[in-house]
Protein backbone atom coordinates (compact mmCIF):
# COMPACT_ATOMS: atom_id res chain seq x y z
CA MET A 1 0.04 0.05 0.03
CA ARG A 2 1.30 3.54 -0.99
CA THR A 3 1.83 6.14 1.62
CA SER A 4 0.64 9.76 1.10
CA ASN A 5 4.22 10.73 1.24
CA ASP A 6 4.86 9.61 -2.43
CA GLU A 7 1.56 10.92 -4.02
CA ASP A 8 3.56 12.67 -6.70
CA VAL A 9 4.90 9.23 -7.74
CA TYR A 10 1.96 7.12 -7.08
CA THR A 11 -1.73 8.27 -6.78
CA ASN A 12 -4.36 6.76 -4.32
CA LEU A 13 -7.98 6.76 -3.97
CA HIS A 14 -8.08 9.12 -1.26
CA ALA A 15 -6.16 11.74 -3.15
CA LEU A 16 -8.46 11.38 -6.22
CA VAL A 17 -11.66 11.90 -4.08
CA ARG A 18 -10.16 15.02 -2.31
CA LEU A 19 -9.99 16.32 -5.95
CA ARG A 20 -13.67 16.65 -5.97
CA PHE A 21 -13.34 19.92 -4.10
CA THR A 22 -11.34 21.50 -6.71
CA ALA A 23 -13.63 20.60 -9.67
CA ARG A 24 -15.21 24.01 -10.38
CA GLY A 25 -14.73 26.76 -12.75
CA PHE A 26 -14.44 25.04 -16.00
CA ASN A 27 -16.53 22.99 -18.17
CA TYR A 28 -16.20 21.29 -21.92
CA LEU A 29 -19.08 22.87 -23.53
CA PRO A 30 -18.56 24.70 -26.75
CA ARG A 31 -19.85 28.08 -25.54
CA GLN A 32 -16.59 29.24 -23.66
CA SER A 33 -14.87 32.49 -22.27
CA VAL A 34 -12.79 33.96 -25.06
CA ARG A 35 -9.65 32.69 -23.15
CA SER A 36 -10.70 29.17 -23.33
CA LEU A 37 -8.93 26.89 -25.42
CA LEU A 38 -12.37 25.68 -26.32
CA SER A 39 -13.54 28.97 -27.48
CA GLY A 40 -14.72 29.39 -31.20
CA ARG A 41 -15.65 25.70 -31.53
CA LYS A 42 -18.38 24.99 -33.91
CA ARG A 43 -21.72 24.58 -32.10
CA SER A 44 -21.79 21.12 -30.80
CA ARG A 45 -24.62 18.72 -30.88
CA LEU A 46 -24.03 17.98 -27.40
CA ARG A 47 -26.17 19.90 -24.79
CA GLY A 48 -26.61 20.10 -21.25
CA ARG A 49 -30.29 19.83 -19.59
CA GLY A 50 -33.44 22.04 -19.98
CA LEU A 51 -34.29 24.38 -22.86
CA ASP A 52 -31.62 25.95 -25.13
CA PHE A 53 -32.40 29.04 -27.34
CA ASP A 54 -31.73 27.83 -30.82
CA GLU A 55 -32.92 30.43 -33.49
CA LEU A 56 -35.19 33.46 -34.20
CA ARG A 57 -37.16 33.05 -37.25
CA HIS A 58 -40.43 33.95 -38.98
CA TYR A 59 -43.77 32.54 -37.49
CA ARG A 60 -45.20 29.41 -39.19
CA PRO A 61 -48.70 27.94 -38.79
CA GLY A 62 -48.72 25.73 -35.86
CA ASP A 63 -45.96 27.65 -34.00
CA ASP A 64 -46.69 28.13 -30.23
CA ILE A 65 -47.85 31.86 -29.99
CA ARG A 66 -46.51 31.88 -26.45
CA ASN A 67 -42.82 31.72 -28.15
CA MET A 68 -43.63 34.94 -30.11
CA ASP A 69 -40.89 37.42 -29.83
CA TRP A 70 -43.17 40.65 -29.77
CA ARG A 71 -40.06 42.85 -29.79
CA VAL A 72 -38.76 41.69 -32.92
CA THR A 73 -42.37 41.31 -34.44
CA ASN A 74 -43.13 45.02 -33.64
CA ARG A 75 -39.82 46.39 -34.95
CA THR A 76 -40.09 44.49 -38.47
CA GLY A 77 -43.93 44.56 -38.76
CA LYS A 78 -43.53 40.48 -39.40
CA PRO A 79 -44.49 37.80 -36.78
CA HIS A 80 -41.04 36.10 -35.23
CA VAL A 81 -40.78 33.57 -32.96
CA ARG A 82 -38.17 32.26 -30.66
CA VAL A 83 -37.17 28.52 -31.30
CA TYR A 84 -35.97 26.42 -28.44
CA THR A 85 -34.59 22.91 -28.48
CA GLU A 86 -34.75 20.39 -25.62
CA GLU A 87 -31.21 19.72 -23.98
CA ARG A 88 -30.43 16.27 -23.51
CA ASP A 89 -28.22 14.31 -21.14
CA ARG A 90 -24.69 14.18 -22.00
CA PRO A 91 -22.88 10.84 -21.47
CA VAL A 92 -19.19 11.33 -21.00
CA MET A 93 -16.24 8.80 -21.34
CA VAL A 94 -12.68 9.54 -20.48
CA MET A 95 -9.84 7.24 -21.84
CA VAL A 96 -6.91 7.16 -19.42
CA ASP A 97 -3.50 6.30 -19.99
CA GLN A 98 -1.37 4.31 -17.60
CA ARG A 99 1.34 2.93 -19.75
CA LEU A 100 5.00 2.65 -18.73
CA PRO A 101 6.18 5.84 -20.89
CA MET A 102 3.74 7.90 -18.44
CA PHE A 103 5.64 6.82 -15.50
CA PHE A 104 8.13 9.88 -15.79
CA GLY A 105 8.36 13.21 -14.15
CA SER A 106 11.54 15.30 -13.58
CA GLN A 107 10.28 18.03 -10.93
CA CYS A 108 7.03 17.50 -9.36
CA LYS A 109 4.52 14.69 -10.45
CA MET A 110 4.61 11.53 -12.76
CA LYS A 111 2.67 12.08 -16.09
CA SER A 112 0.89 8.88 -14.84
CA VAL A 113 -0.34 10.85 -11.59
CA VAL A 114 -1.51 13.85 -13.56
CA ALA A 115 -3.37 11.79 -16.00
CA ALA A 116 -5.40 10.19 -13.13
CA GLU A 117 -6.06 13.61 -11.61
CA VAL A 118 -7.24 14.96 -14.83
CA ALA A 119 -9.81 11.90 -15.06
CA ALA A 120 -10.79 12.25 -11.45
CA ILE A 121 -11.52 16.18 -11.61
CA THR A 122 -13.39 15.47 -14.97
CA ALA A 123 -15.37 12.90 -13.23
CA TRP A 124 -16.46 14.89 -10.18
CA ARG A 125 -17.16 17.94 -12.45
CA VAL A 126 -19.42 15.99 -14.79
CA LEU A 127 -21.07 14.40 -11.82
CA SER A 128 -21.77 17.91 -10.33
CA VAL A 129 -23.81 18.87 -13.20
CA GLY A 130 -25.94 15.78 -13.21
CA ASP A 131 -24.49 13.99 -16.26
CA ARG A 132 -23.05 10.56 -16.52
CA ILE A 133 -19.35 9.60 -16.52
CA GLY A 134 -17.58 6.32 -17.73
CA ALA A 135 -13.92 5.23 -18.44
CA ILE A 136 -11.71 3.30 -20.54
CA LEU A 137 -8.69 2.52 -18.42
CA PHE A 138 -5.68 1.02 -20.20
CA ASN A 139 -1.90 0.22 -19.57
CA ASP A 140 0.62 -1.84 -21.60
CA HIS A 141 -1.07 -5.12 -21.24
CA LYS A 142 -4.88 -4.76 -20.66
CA SER A 143 -7.76 -2.38 -20.74
CA LEU A 144 -10.78 -1.97 -18.40
CA GLU A 145 -14.27 -0.40 -19.46
CA SER A 146 -16.85 1.32 -17.07
CA ARG A 147 -20.11 2.33 -18.51
CA PRO A 148 -21.19 5.73 -17.93
CA THR A 149 -23.01 6.45 -14.61
CA ARG A 150 -24.14 8.92 -12.22
CA ASN A 151 -23.54 6.70 -9.28
CA ASP A 152 -20.76 8.19 -7.11
CA ARG A 153 -19.90 4.47 -5.70
CA ARG A 154 -19.49 2.97 -9.19
CA VAL A 155 -17.41 6.09 -10.12
CA MET A 156 -15.25 5.51 -6.98
CA GLY A 157 -15.16 1.69 -8.36
CA TRP A 158 -13.28 2.75 -11.43
CA LEU A 159 -11.10 5.33 -9.93
CA GLY A 160 -9.87 2.55 -7.60
CA ASP A 161 -9.16 0.48 -10.80
CA LEU A 162 -7.23 3.43 -11.95
CA THR A 163 -5.20 3.62 -8.74
CA GLY A 164 -4.37 0.02 -9.13
CA MET A 165 -3.13 0.44 -12.59
CA ASN A 166 -1.14 3.52 -11.50
CA ASN A 167 0.43 1.65 -8.57
CA ALA A 168 1.49 -1.31 -10.57
CA LEU A 169 3.51 0.88 -12.80
CA SER A 170 7.50 0.15 -12.44
CA VAL A 171 10.59 0.57 -14.35
CA THR A 172 11.44 -3.01 -13.39
CA ALA A 173 8.17 -4.40 -14.80
CA ALA A 174 8.57 -7.67 -16.45
CA HIS A 175 6.73 -6.34 -19.79
CA GLY A 176 7.99 -3.51 -21.43
CA SER A 177 6.17 -0.79 -23.11
CA ASN A 178 3.63 -1.55 -25.90
CA PRO A 179 2.95 1.48 -28.37
CA GLN A 180 0.11 -0.56 -29.80
CA ALA A 181 -2.00 -0.33 -26.67
CA LEU A 182 -3.16 3.34 -27.41
CA GLY A 183 -4.71 2.09 -30.68
CA GLN A 184 -6.21 -1.07 -28.95
CA ALA A 185 -7.61 1.24 -26.29
CA LEU A 186 -9.09 3.49 -28.91
CA LEU A 187 -10.87 0.41 -30.50
CA MET A 188 -12.39 -0.56 -27.28
CA LEU A 189 -13.50 3.11 -26.83
CA GLU A 190 -15.10 3.11 -30.23
CA ARG A 191 -17.27 -0.06 -29.43
CA ALA A 192 -18.08 1.58 -26.10
CA VAL A 193 -19.52 4.92 -27.27
CA GLY A 194 -22.77 5.34 -29.08
CA HIS A 195 -23.97 8.94 -30.62
CA ASP A 196 -23.84 12.31 -28.78
CA TYR A 197 -21.06 11.41 -26.23
CA LEU A 198 -18.28 13.66 -24.95
CA VAL A 199 -14.93 11.63 -25.20
CA VAL A 200 -11.94 13.00 -23.19
CA LEU A 201 -8.63 11.34 -24.00
CA ILE A 202 -6.04 11.58 -21.54
CA SER A 203 -2.60 10.42 -22.64
CA ASP A 204 0.86 11.53 -23.76
CA PHE A 205 -0.28 9.86 -27.22
CA TYR A 206 2.85 7.47 -27.29
CA GLY A 207 2.29 5.17 -30.03
CA TRP A 208 0.24 7.47 -32.32
CA ASP A 209 -0.20 6.32 -35.70
CA ASP A 210 -2.59 6.74 -38.66
CA ALA A 211 -4.50 3.76 -37.40
CA ALA A 212 -5.23 5.57 -34.17
CA LEU A 213 -6.11 8.91 -35.99
CA ALA A 214 -8.62 6.76 -38.31
CA THR A 215 -10.22 5.41 -34.83
CA ILE A 216 -10.49 8.82 -33.41
CA ARG A 217 -12.03 10.16 -36.75
CA ARG A 218 -14.75 7.57 -36.65
CA ILE A 219 -15.42 8.27 -33.10
CA ARG A 220 -15.70 12.07 -33.84
CA GLN A 221 -18.36 11.51 -36.60
CA HIS A 222 -21.00 11.12 -33.91
CA ASN A 223 -19.33 12.53 -30.65
CA ASP A 224 -17.32 15.33 -29.32
CA ILE A 225 -13.67 14.87 -28.68
CA VAL A 226 -11.29 16.70 -26.32
CA CYS A 227 -7.73 15.52 -25.95
CA SER A 228 -5.67 16.34 -22.79
CA LEU A 229 -1.92 15.71 -23.94
CA ILE A 230 0.07 15.21 -20.77
CA TYR A 231 3.77 16.35 -20.90
CA ASP A 232 6.67 16.78 -18.63
CA PRO A 233 8.55 20.40 -19.09
CA LEU A 234 11.84 18.53 -19.40
CA GLU A 235 10.72 16.65 -22.54
CA ARG A 236 10.27 20.24 -24.16
CA ASP A 237 13.39 21.85 -22.63
CA ILE A 238 16.24 19.35 -21.73
CA SER A 239 18.52 21.92 -21.08
CA MET A 240 17.17 22.34 -17.60
CA ALA A 241 18.94 19.15 -16.61
CA ASP A 242 23.02 19.35 -16.42
CA LYS A 243 23.35 15.44 -16.26
CA LEU A 244 20.75 12.74 -16.82
CA VAL A 245 20.71 9.26 -15.47
CA VAL A 246 18.79 6.57 -17.46
CA SER A 247 18.04 3.16 -16.36
CA ASP A 248 16.21 0.00 -17.65
CA GLY A 249 15.75 -0.93 -14.06
CA LYS A 250 19.02 -2.92 -13.99
CA TYR A 251 21.72 -0.84 -15.44
CA GLN A 252 22.23 3.03 -15.17
CA LEU A 253 23.89 5.26 -17.50
CA GLU A 254 24.76 9.15 -17.02
CA ILE A 255 24.11 11.19 -19.98
CA ASP A 256 25.14 14.75 -20.58
CA PRO A 257 22.70 16.60 -22.81
CA GLU A 258 25.34 18.85 -24.30
CA GLN A 259 27.28 16.32 -25.82
CA GLN A 260 26.97 15.58 -29.45
CA GLY A 261 23.70 17.86 -29.49
CA LEU A 262 21.73 14.98 -27.73
CA GLY A 263 19.53 17.55 -25.98
CA GLU A 264 18.64 19.38 -29.09
CA LYS A 265 17.98 16.09 -31.01
CA PHE A 266 15.80 15.06 -28.02
CA GLU A 267 13.76 18.09 -28.06
CA ALA A 268 13.49 18.51 -31.85
CA SER A 269 12.05 14.72 -31.69
CA PHE A 270 9.66 15.62 -29.07
CA GLU A 271 8.43 18.90 -30.47
CA SER A 272 7.97 17.12 -34.14
CA SER A 273 5.94 14.20 -32.44
CA VAL A 274 3.62 16.58 -30.62
CA ALA A 275 3.26 19.06 -33.30
CA HIS A 276 2.38 15.84 -35.54
CA VAL A 277 -0.30 14.91 -33.06
CA GLN A 278 -1.75 18.40 -32.48
CA GLY A 279 -1.59 19.19 -36.17
CA GLU A 280 -3.75 16.00 -37.31
CA LEU A 281 -6.28 16.60 -34.44
CA LYS A 282 -6.55 20.31 -35.09
CA ARG A 283 -7.27 19.48 -38.89
CA HIS A 284 -10.16 17.51 -37.87
CA ASP A 285 -11.51 20.25 -35.38
CA ILE A 286 -10.44 18.24 -32.19
CA PRO A 287 -9.22 20.37 -29.48
CA VAL A 288 -6.05 19.67 -27.77
CA VAL A 289 -5.44 20.66 -24.01
CA PRO A 290 -1.88 20.41 -23.15
CA ILE A 291 -1.36 19.72 -19.30
CA ASP A 292 1.99 19.79 -17.59
CA THR A 293 3.25 17.68 -14.68
CA VAL A 294 4.18 20.99 -12.50
CA THR A 295 1.20 23.05 -12.27
CA PRO A 296 -1.63 21.94 -10.28
CA VAL A 297 -4.11 20.00 -12.51
CA ALA A 298 -7.25 21.92 -11.45
CA ASP A 299 -5.52 25.32 -11.99
CA GLN A 300 -4.72 24.27 -15.48
CA LEU A 301 -8.33 23.23 -16.42
CA ARG A 302 -9.79 26.27 -14.96
CA GLU A 303 -7.28 28.40 -17.10
CA LYS A 304 -7.64 26.29 -20.39
CA LEU A 305 -11.36 25.34 -20.12
CA GLY A 306 -12.71 27.88 -17.99
CA GLY A 307 -10.76 31.04 -19.12
CA GLN A 308 -9.79 32.03 -15.60
CA ARG A 309 -7.87 30.95 -12.64
CA VAL A 310 -10.32 31.95 -9.98
CA LEU A 311 -12.85 29.45 -8.86
CA ALA A 312 -16.19 30.03 -10.44
């Protein structure tokens, strides 16, 4: 059992439950603050609950006279009505990456811990507005599915499974990293979602390829997708480290990033990979929300999905 002293390396269920009190001040809806990364998105098919104003148009025989907009009618001299559409329940599915490449962090938290926190905060936020939340959890050798629910105990159940996957990560694991696991998890996700879901992909997107993009595109045809790209600052700027020690769990090797331009080559490779993923997703109108391992996750979500740092 992990102790609370190493929550930056391994998460635990209590830590993920505590995040419930931080799940405020942001949302995944298309109507956003101008500072939000989701501002300017095309109007989504996905709505909340209640009645949502859709359009103002000329009166047609059979329209409910109670929806008449008398101000516009008087100004134009022609009868106009306000049209409303019924908003529907919006099921949400999060897909959370807990593979070996996520078991990395240079300053504060491991990418795997940050991914778990993004999933937990998203779940608590979704439950707070009365919608259903489910999950696809995956590591290098298995995937787990939990159907969308509004039941707190069932959400706690898959958060517990997520904690188990997280705590199983180790550089001395018998099984190495599996780049194909991302594509396999996406195929499971495709089978799990129907129409009009919100899908939140939480990963560093290691193993990204054309097949993964094709699956995401098929899911995107009938659903909304938001990608949380988890990264560590050292991946983008390796010059912050004077010396690096890498290990396969048995042997260690010290590396100087300045020698033979290793640091520049590493950074260029990382930026090229990330730029490719972001470029392909952007081309298909899929927002990418970068999340780093240093800044508190809730603050980043509020800044990038709520347009503000202050709790709302």
